Structure formats: structure tokens, C-alpha cells
Amino acid sequence: MIDLNKKQDVLIMYLREGKSQREIARVTGIDRKTVSKYIKEYESKQQEIEQSNDSVLTGELIQELVEAPKYKVGIRPKRVMT
């Protein structure tokens, strides 16, 4: 399971250090699709913050950015053993 520190590390490597998504995935051991998801999520929230004039909405968006990753914990279908 990925915690908040790993998520922050991914964003720091991408934004400050200028590393590619593939390189970040290799260094951290996180799947490339997950790295891509975190970066896209950050960029979309950043864009919403820039466009928002409402301080309450901006606060909520910032809070979402600094939250730990959430996982789907719903009921999953049983796998068939062959």
C-alpha cells in the first residue's frame, strides 16, 4: 500500500527534479500507471485551484491534494481457480 510520503515523493521527483514518469516508477517501485495517476490528479487539482475564486473551494482542493491515497474497497468478484 502506498502512503502519503510515497505520493509526495512522486510529485517532488516529477515537479522539482524533472524526472520522467518511467524513471520515477523505476526508482520508487510504484507502477507507472499509478505514478501517472498521481501526476494527473495533481495537475487537475492545481488547474481547479488556479481557476477558482472561492477561498472555501480552494481550501477543499488543497486538502484533497495533501490527503493520503484512497483505495477502492468495495466488494470484488471471486476469482475462479483453474
PDB file of N, CA and C in Angstrom:
ATOM      1  N   MET A   1       0.836  -1.171   0.000  1.00  0.00           N
ATOM      2  CA  MET A   1       0.000   0.000   0.000  1.00  0.00           C
ATOM      3  C   MET A   1       0.887   1.244   0.000  1.00  0.00           C
ATOM      4  N   ILE A   2       0.495   2.232  -0.761  1.00  0.00           N
ATOM      5  CA  ILE A   2       1.272   3.459  -0.891  1.00  0.00           C
ATOM      6  C   ILE A   2       0.758   4.476   0.120  1.00  0.00           C
ATOM      7  N   ASP A   3       1.685   5.078   0.873  1.00  0.00           N
ATOM      8  CA  ASP A   3       1.276   6.069   1.854  1.00  0.00           C
ATOM      9  C   ASP A   3       1.504   7.480   1.311  1.00  0.00           C
ATOM     10  N   LEU A   4       1.176   8.467   2.121  1.00  0.00           N
ATOM     11  CA  LEU A   4       1.257   9.857   1.704  1.00  0.00           C
ATOM     12  C   LEU A   4       2.685  10.263   1.354  1.00  0.00           C
ATOM     13  N   ASN A   5       3.667   9.759   2.087  1.00  0.00           N
ATOM     14  CA  ASN A   5       5.057  10.127   1.814  1.00  0.00           C
ATOM     15  C   ASN A   5       5.501   9.671   0.429  1.00  0.00           C
ATOM     16  N   LYS A   6       5.095   8.466   0.023  1.00  0.00           N
ATOM     17  CA  LYS A   6       5.449   7.969  -1.314  1.00  0.00           C
ATOM     18  C   LYS A   6       4.807   8.843  -2.385  1.00  0.00           C
ATOM     19  N   LYS A   7       3.543   9.224  -2.142  1.00  0.00           N
ATOM     20  CA  LYS A   7       2.829  10.072  -3.092  1.00  0.00           C
ATOM     21  C   LYS A   7       3.543  11.417  -3.225  1.00  0.00           C
ATOM     22  N   GLN A   8       3.964  11.984  -2.120  1.00  0.00           N
ATOM     23  CA  GLN A   8       4.693  13.248  -2.144  1.00  0.00           C
ATOM     24  C   GLN A   8       6.032  13.090  -2.854  1.00  0.00           C
ATOM     25  N   ASP A   9       6.713  11.989  -2.614  1.00  0.00           N
ATOM     26  CA  ASP A   9       7.990  11.733  -3.282  1.00  0.00           C
ATOM     27  C   ASP A   9       7.819  11.706  -4.796  1.00  0.00           C
ATOM     28  N   VAL A  10       6.745  11.076  -5.256  1.00  0.00           N
ATOM     29  CA  VAL A  10       6.469  11.000  -6.693  1.00  0.00           C
ATOM     30  C   VAL A  10       6.314  12.403  -7.264  1.00  0.00           C
ATOM     31  N   LEU A  11       5.520  13.234  -6.602  1.00  0.00           N
ATOM     32  CA  LEU A  11       5.279  14.589  -7.096  1.00  0.00           C
ATOM     33  C   LEU A  11       6.539  15.447  -7.047  1.00  0.00           C
ATOM     34  N   ILE A  12       7.325  15.303  -5.997  1.00  0.00           N
ATOM     35  CA  ILE A  12       8.565  16.074  -5.887  1.00  0.00           C
ATOM     36  C   ILE A  12       9.543  15.679  -6.981  1.00  0.00           C
ATOM     37  N   MET A  13       9.694  14.378  -7.218  1.00  0.00           N
ATOM     38  CA  MET A  13      10.605  13.922  -8.274  1.00  0.00           C
ATOM     39  C   MET A  13      10.172  14.448  -9.635  1.00  0.00           C
ATOM     40  N   TYR A  14       8.879  14.495  -9.863  1.00  0.00           N
ATOM     41  CA  TYR A  14       8.367  14.935 -11.162  1.00  0.00           C
ATOM     42  C   TYR A  14       8.476  16.450 -11.322  1.00  0.00           C
ATOM     43  N   LEU A  15       8.051  17.196 -10.301  1.00  0.00           N
ATOM     44  CA  LEU A  15       7.974  18.649 -10.429  1.00  0.00           C
ATOM     45  C   LEU A  15       9.306  19.347 -10.181  1.00  0.00           C
ATOM     46  N   ARG A  16      10.004  18.975  -9.142  1.00  0.00           N
ATOM     47  CA  ARG A  16      11.245  19.675  -8.793  1.00  0.00           C
ATOM     48  C   ARG A  16      12.469  19.112  -9.501  1.00  0.00           C
ATOM     49  N   GLU A  17      12.551  17.791  -9.541  1.00  0.00           N
ATOM     50  CA  GLU A  17      13.743  17.161 -10.100  1.00  0.00           C
ATOM     51  C   GLU A  17      13.631  16.922 -11.597  1.00  0.00           C
ATOM     52  N   GLY A  18      12.418  17.028 -12.138  1.00  0.00           N
ATOM     53  CA  GLY A  18      12.219  16.877 -13.574  1.00  0.00           C
ATOM     54  C   GLY A  18      12.396  15.459 -14.093  1.00  0.00           C
ATOM     55  N   LYS A  19      12.203  14.469 -13.229  1.00  0.00           N
ATOM     56  CA  LYS A  19      12.356  13.078 -13.663  1.00  0.00           C
ATOM     57  C   LYS A  19      11.133  12.635 -14.453  1.00  0.00           C
ATOM     58  N   SER A  20      11.336  11.678 -15.341  1.00  0.00           N
ATOM     59  CA  SER A  20      10.229  11.144 -16.138  1.00  0.00           C
ATOM     60  C   SER A  20       9.401  10.188 -15.285  1.00  0.00           C
ATOM     61  N   GLN A  21       8.187   9.934 -15.746  1.00  0.00           N
ATOM     62  CA  GLN A  21       7.307   9.021 -15.020  1.00  0.00           C
ATOM     63  C   GLN A  21       7.905   7.625 -14.960  1.00  0.00           C
ATOM     64  N   ARG A  22       8.517   7.211 -16.032  1.00  0.00           N
ATOM     65  CA  ARG A  22       9.127   5.884 -16.074  1.00  0.00           C
ATOM     66  C   ARG A  22      10.277   5.780 -15.071  1.00  0.00           C
ATOM     67  N   GLU A  23      11.091   6.832 -14.993  1.00  0.00           N
ATOM     68  CA  GLU A  23      12.218   6.828 -14.067  1.00  0.00           C
ATOM     69  C   GLU A  23      11.727   6.831 -12.614  1.00  0.00           C
ATOM     70  N   ILE A  24      10.676   7.600 -12.349  1.00  0.00           N
ATOM     71  CA  ILE A  24      10.102   7.637 -11.003  1.00  0.00           C
ATOM     72  C   ILE A  24       9.587   6.255 -10.622  1.00  0.00           C
ATOM     73  N   ALA A  25       8.916   5.599 -11.550  1.00  0.00           N
ATOM     74  CA  ALA A  25       8.388   4.257 -11.291  1.00  0.00           C
ATOM     75  C   ALA A  25       9.519   3.284 -10.984  1.00  0.00           C
ATOM     76  N   ARG A  26      10.600   3.391 -11.721  1.00  0.00           N
ATOM     77  CA  ARG A  26      11.734   2.501 -11.519  1.00  0.00           C
ATOM     78  C   ARG A  26      12.379   2.730 -10.147  1.00  0.00           C
ATOM     79  N   VAL A  27      12.553   3.994  -9.774  1.00  0.00           N
ATOM     80  CA  VAL A  27      13.229   4.331  -8.520  1.00  0.00           C
ATOM     81  C   VAL A  27      12.378   3.970  -7.303  1.00  0.00           C
ATOM     82  N   THR A  28      11.091   4.278  -7.354  1.00  0.00           N
ATOM     83  CA  THR A  28      10.218   4.079  -6.190  1.00  0.00           C
ATOM     84  C   THR A  28       9.624   2.685  -6.101  1.00  0.00           C
ATOM     85  N   GLY A  29       9.579   1.967  -7.220  1.00  0.00           N
ATOM     86  CA  GLY A  29       8.960   0.650  -7.226  1.00  0.00           C
ATOM     87  C   GLY A  29       7.449   0.701  -7.356  1.00  0.00           C
ATOM     88  N   ILE A  30       6.919   1.881  -7.675  1.00  0.00           N
ATOM     89  CA  ILE A  30       5.481   2.058  -7.879  1.00  0.00           C
ATOM     90  C   ILE A  30       5.190   1.875  -9.362  1.00  0.00           C
ATOM     91  N   ASP A  31       4.063   1.263  -9.680  1.00  0.00           N
ATOM     92  CA  ASP A  31       3.679   1.043 -11.069  1.00  0.00           C
ATOM     93  C   ASP A  31       3.593   2.373 -11.823  1.00  0.00           C
ATOM     94  N   ARG A  32       3.982   2.353 -13.094  1.00  0.00           N
ATOM     95  CA  ARG A  32       3.996   3.566 -13.913  1.00  0.00           C
ATOM     96  C   ARG A  32       2.604   4.173 -14.056  1.00  0.00           C
ATOM     97  N   LYS A  33       1.580   3.342 -14.111  1.00  0.00           N
ATOM     98  CA  LYS A  33       0.209   3.850 -14.221  1.00  0.00           C
ATOM     99  C   LYS A  33      -0.198   4.598 -12.953  1.00  0.00           C
ATOM    100  N   THR A  34       0.263   4.130 -11.817  1.00  0.00           N
ATOM    101  CA  THR A  34      -0.034   4.801 -10.552  1.00  0.00           C
ATOM    102  C   THR A  34       0.683   6.141 -10.489  1.00  0.00           C
ATOM    103  N   VAL A  35       1.929   6.180 -10.923  1.00  0.00           N
ATOM    104  CA  VAL A  35       2.681   7.433 -10.975  1.00  0.00           C
ATOM    105  C   VAL A  35       1.952   8.427 -11.872  1.00  0.00           C
ATOM    106  N   SER A  36       1.527   7.963 -13.026  1.00  0.00           N
ATOM    107  CA  SER A  36       0.795   8.810 -13.966  1.00  0.00           C
ATOM    108  C   SER A  36      -0.499   9.325 -13.345  1.00  0.00           C
ATOM    109  N   LYS A  37      -1.203   8.470 -12.622  1.00  0.00           N
ATOM    110  CA  LYS A  37      -2.468   8.853 -11.978  1.00  0.00           C
ATOM    111  C   LYS A  37      -2.241   9.963 -10.957  1.00  0.00           C
ATOM    112  N   TYR A  38      -1.210   9.848 -10.143  1.00  0.00           N
ATOM    113  CA  TYR A  38      -0.924  10.865  -9.132  1.00  0.00           C
ATOM    114  C   TYR A  38      -0.575  12.203  -9.775  1.00  0.00           C
ATOM    115  N   ILE A  39       0.195  12.160 -10.851  1.00  0.00           N
ATOM    116  CA  ILE A  39       0.592  13.393 -11.525  1.00  0.00           C
ATOM    117  C   ILE A  39      -0.611  14.058 -12.187  1.00  0.00           C
ATOM    118  N   LYS A  40      -1.438  13.275 -12.863  1.00  0.00           N
ATOM    119  CA  LYS A  40      -2.640  13.834 -13.495  1.00  0.00           C
ATOM    120  C   LYS A  40      -3.584  14.415 -12.454  1.00  0.00           C
ATOM    121  N   GLU A  41      -3.746  13.713 -11.346  1.00  0.00           N
ATOM    122  CA  GLU A  41      -4.606  14.186 -10.262  1.00  0.00           C
ATOM    123  C   GLU A  41      -4.098  15.522  -9.729  1.00  0.00           C
ATOM    124  N   TYR A  42      -2.789  15.620  -9.522  1.00  0.00           N
ATOM    125  CA  TYR A  42      -2.195  16.859  -9.024  1.00  0.00           C
ATOM    126  C   TYR A  42      -2.420  17.998 -10.008  1.00  0.00           C
ATOM    127  N   GLU A  43      -2.159  17.745 -11.287  1.00  0.00           N
ATOM    128  CA  GLU A  43      -2.283  18.799 -12.291  1.00  0.00           C
ATOM    129  C   GLU A  43      -3.724  19.270 -12.443  1.00  0.00           C
ATOM    130  N   SER A  44      -4.692  18.357 -12.364  1.00  0.00           N
ATOM    131  CA  SER A  44      -6.092  18.769 -12.483  1.00  0.00           C
ATOM    132  C   SER A  44      -6.525  19.594 -11.268  1.00  0.00           C
ATOM    133  N   LYS A  45      -6.102  19.194 -10.071  1.00  0.00           N
ATOM    134  CA  LYS A  45      -6.437  19.964  -8.866  1.00  0.00           C
ATOM    135  C   LYS A  45      -5.765  21.332  -8.902  1.00  0.00           C
ATOM    136  N   GLN A  46      -4.532  21.380  -9.382  1.00  0.00           N
ATOM    137  CA  GLN A  46      -3.803  22.643  -9.485  1.00  0.00           C
ATOM    138  C   GLN A  46      -4.530  23.593 -10.435  1.00  0.00           C
ATOM    139  N   GLN A  47      -5.025  23.071 -11.532  1.00  0.00           N
ATOM    140  CA  GLN A  47      -5.755  23.880 -12.501  1.00  0.00           C
ATOM    141  C   GLN A  47      -7.066  24.391 -11.894  1.00  0.00           C
ATOM    142  N   GLU A  48      -7.765  23.542 -11.150  1.00  0.00           N
ATOM    143  CA  GLU A  48      -9.003  23.955 -10.487  1.00  0.00           C
ATOM    144  C   GLU A  48      -8.732  25.057  -9.468  1.00  0.00           C
ATOM    145  N   ILE A  49      -7.631  24.962  -8.744  1.00  0.00           N
ATOM    146  CA  ILE A  49      -7.278  25.979  -7.754  1.00  0.00           C
ATOM    147  C   ILE A  49      -7.009  27.308  -8.445  1.00  0.00           C
ATOM    148  N   GLU A  50      -6.283  27.277  -9.559  1.00  0.00           N
ATOM    149  CA  GLU A  50      -5.969  28.500 -10.286  1.00  0.00           C
ATOM    150  C   GLU A  50      -7.220  29.172 -10.837  1.00  0.00           C
ATOM    151  N   GLN A  51      -8.215  28.393 -11.237  1.00  0.00           N
ATOM    152  CA  GLN A  51      -9.429  28.942 -11.823  1.00  0.00           C
ATOM    153  C   GLN A  51     -10.445  29.363 -10.769  1.00  0.00           C
ATOM    154  N   SER A  52     -10.313  28.865  -9.569  1.00  0.00           N
ATOM    155  CA  SER A  52     -11.292  29.122  -8.514  1.00  0.00           C
ATOM    156  C   SER A  52     -11.031  30.465  -7.838  1.00  0.00           C
ATOM    157  N   ASN A  53     -12.116  31.210  -7.610  1.00  0.00           N
ATOM    158  CA  ASN A  53     -12.023  32.460  -6.859  1.00  0.00           C
ATOM    159  C   ASN A  53     -12.558  32.292  -5.441  1.00  0.00           C
ATOM    160  N   ASP A  54     -13.195  31.179  -5.171  1.00  0.00           N
ATOM    161  CA  ASP A  54     -13.798  30.902  -3.874  1.00  0.00           C
ATOM    162  C   ASP A  54     -12.740  30.332  -2.927  1.00  0.00           C
ATOM    163  N   SER A  55     -12.512  31.003  -1.814  1.00  0.00           N
ATOM    164  CA  SER A  55     -11.463  30.562  -0.887  1.00  0.00           C
ATOM    165  C   SER A  55     -11.820  29.242  -0.201  1.00  0.00           C
ATOM    166  N   VAL A  56     -13.109  28.995   0.032  1.00  0.00           N
ATOM    167  CA  VAL A  56     -13.525  27.733   0.659  1.00  0.00           C
ATOM    168  C   VAL A  56     -13.244  26.567  -0.279  1.00  0.00           C
ATOM    169  N   LEU A  57     -13.602  26.735  -1.552  1.00  0.00           N
ATOM    170  CA  LEU A  57     -13.347  25.690  -2.546  1.00  0.00           C
ATOM    171  C   LEU A  57     -11.851  25.453  -2.701  1.00  0.00           C
ATOM    172  N   THR A  58     -11.080  26.521  -2.714  1.00  0.00           N
ATOM    173  CA  THR A  58      -9.626  26.398  -2.822  1.00  0.00           C
ATOM    174  C   THR A  58      -9.069  25.613  -1.641  1.00  0.00           C
ATOM    175  N   GLY A  59      -9.558  25.883  -0.445  1.00  0.00           N
ATOM    176  CA  GLY A  59      -9.121  25.151   0.743  1.00  0.00           C
ATOM    177  C   GLY A  59      -9.445  23.673   0.652  1.00  0.00           C
ATOM    178  N   GLU A  60     -10.628  23.357   0.132  1.00  0.00           N
ATOM    179  CA  GLU A  60     -11.025  21.955  -0.031  1.00  0.00           C
ATOM    180  C   GLU A  60     -10.139  21.248  -1.051  1.00  0.00           C
ATOM    181  N   LEU A  61      -9.827  21.934  -2.147  1.00  0.00           N
ATOM    182  CA  LEU A  61      -8.979  21.334  -3.178  1.00  0.00           C
ATOM    183  C   LEU A  61      -7.573  21.085  -2.651  1.00  0.00           C
ATOM    184  N   ILE A  62      -7.054  22.024  -1.895  1.00  0.00           N
ATOM    185  CA  ILE A  62      -5.722  21.850  -1.312  1.00  0.00           C
ATOM    186  C   ILE A  62      -5.733  20.678  -0.335  1.00  0.00           C
ATOM    187  N   GLN A  63      -6.802  20.556   0.441  1.00  0.00           N
ATOM    188  CA  GLN A  63      -6.922  19.440   1.382  1.00  0.00           C
ATOM    189  C   GLN A  63      -6.914  18.104   0.642  1.00  0.00           C
ATOM    190  N   GLU A  64      -7.602  18.039  -0.505  1.00  0.00           N
ATOM    191  CA  GLU A  64      -7.623  16.810  -1.302  1.00  0.00           C
ATOM    192  C   GLU A  64      -6.234  16.467  -1.824  1.00  0.00           C
ATOM    193  N   LEU A  65      -5.442  17.492  -2.137  1.00  0.00           N
ATOM    194  CA  LEU A  65      -4.092  17.252  -2.649  1.00  0.00           C
ATOM    195  C   LEU A  65      -3.181  16.622  -1.604  1.00  0.00           C
ATOM    196  N   VAL A  66      -3.363  16.992  -0.353  1.00  0.00           N
ATOM    197  CA  VAL A  66      -2.444  16.512   0.682  1.00  0.00           C
ATOM    198  C   VAL A  66      -2.974  15.301   1.442  1.00  0.00           C
ATOM    199  N   GLU A  67      -4.082  14.721   0.979  1.00  0.00           N
ATOM    200  CA  GLU A  67      -4.611  13.513   1.608  1.00  0.00           C
ATOM    201  C   GLU A  67      -3.849  12.280   1.146  1.00  0.00           C
ATOM    202  N   ALA A  68      -3.838  11.291   1.992  1.00  0.00           N
ATOM    203  CA  ALA A  68      -3.242  10.006   1.620  1.00  0.00           C
ATOM    204  C   ALA A  68      -4.062   9.374   0.498  1.00  0.00           C
ATOM    205  N   PRO A  69      -3.448   8.541  -0.325  1.00  0.00           N
ATOM    206  CA  PRO A  69      -4.175   7.891  -1.420  1.00  0.00           C
ATOM    207  C   PRO A  69      -5.339   7.054  -0.905  1.00  0.00           C
ATOM    208  N   LYS A  70      -6.410   7.038  -1.686  1.00  0.00           N
ATOM    209  CA  LYS A  70      -7.587   6.242  -1.333  1.00  0.00           C
ATOM    210  C   LYS A  70      -7.665   5.043  -2.260  1.00  0.00           C
ATOM    211  N   TYR A  71      -8.156   3.950  -1.716  1.00  0.00           N
ATOM    212  CA  TYR A  71      -8.268   2.722  -2.479  1.00  0.00           C
ATOM    213  C   TYR A  71      -9.716   2.279  -2.527  1.00  0.00           C
ATOM    214  N   LYS A  72     -10.084   1.634  -3.614  1.00  0.00           N
ATOM    215  CA  LYS A  72     -11.424   1.082  -3.738  1.00  0.00           C
ATOM    216  C   LYS A  72     -11.503  -0.154  -2.848  1.00  0.00           C
ATOM    217  N   VAL A  73     -12.439  -0.154  -1.935  1.00  0.00           N
ATOM    218  CA  VAL A  73     -12.556  -1.271  -1.006  1.00  0.00           C
ATOM    219  C   VAL A  73     -13.909  -1.958  -1.129  1.00  0.00           C
ATOM    220  N   GLY A  74     -14.564  -1.778  -2.256  1.00  0.00           N
ATOM    221  CA  GLY A  74     -15.873  -2.385  -2.478  1.00  0.00           C
ATOM    222  C   GLY A  74     -15.781  -3.886  -2.630  1.00  0.00           C
ATOM    223  N   ILE A  75     -16.919  -4.480  -2.818  1.00  0.00           N
ATOM    224  CA  ILE A  75     -16.996  -5.928  -2.981  1.00  0.00           C
ATOM    225  C   ILE A  75     -16.444  -6.296  -4.356  1.00  0.00           C
ATOM    226  N   ARG A  76     -15.525  -7.207  -4.361  1.00  0.00           N
ATOM    227  CA  ARG A  76     -14.906  -7.641  -5.612  1.00  0.00           C
ATOM    228  C   ARG A  76     -15.402  -9.041  -5.950  1.00  0.00           C
ATOM    229  N   PRO A  77     -15.501  -9.338  -7.247  1.00  0.00           N
ATOM    230  CA  PRO A  77     -15.952 -10.687  -7.623  1.00  0.00           C
ATOM    231  C   PRO A  77     -14.905 -11.733  -7.248  1.00  0.00           C
ATOM    232  N   LYS A  78     -15.381 -12.924  -6.940  1.00  0.00           N
ATOM    233  CA  LYS A  78     -14.472 -14.013  -6.594  1.00  0.00           C
ATOM    234  C   LYS A  78     -13.772 -14.503  -7.850  1.00  0.00           C
ATOM    235  N   ARG A  79     -12.523 -14.872  -7.705  1.00  0.00           N
ATOM    236  CA  ARG A  79     -11.753 -15.389  -8.828  1.00  0.00           C
ATOM    237  C   ARG A  79     -11.978 -16.884  -8.965  1.00  0.00           C
ATOM    238  N   VAL A  80     -12.014 -17.320 -10.200  1.00  0.00           N
ATOM    239  CA  VAL A  80     -12.194 -18.742 -10.478  1.00  0.00           C
ATOM    240  C   VAL A  80     -10.818 -19.387 -10.547  1.00  0.00           C
ATOM    241  N   MET A  81     -10.619 -20.417  -9.770  1.00  0.00           N
ATOM    242  CA  MET A  81      -9.349 -21.131  -9.776  1.00  0.00           C
ATOM    243  C   MET A  81      -9.395 -22.208 -10.855  1.00  0.00           C
ATOM    244  N   THR A  82      -8.414 -22.179 -11.730  1.00  0.00           N
ATOM    245  CA  THR A  82      -8.381 -23.190 -12.800  1.00  0.00           C
ATOM    246  C   THR A  82      -7.197 -24.094 -12.668  1.00  0.00           C
TER     247      THR A  82
END
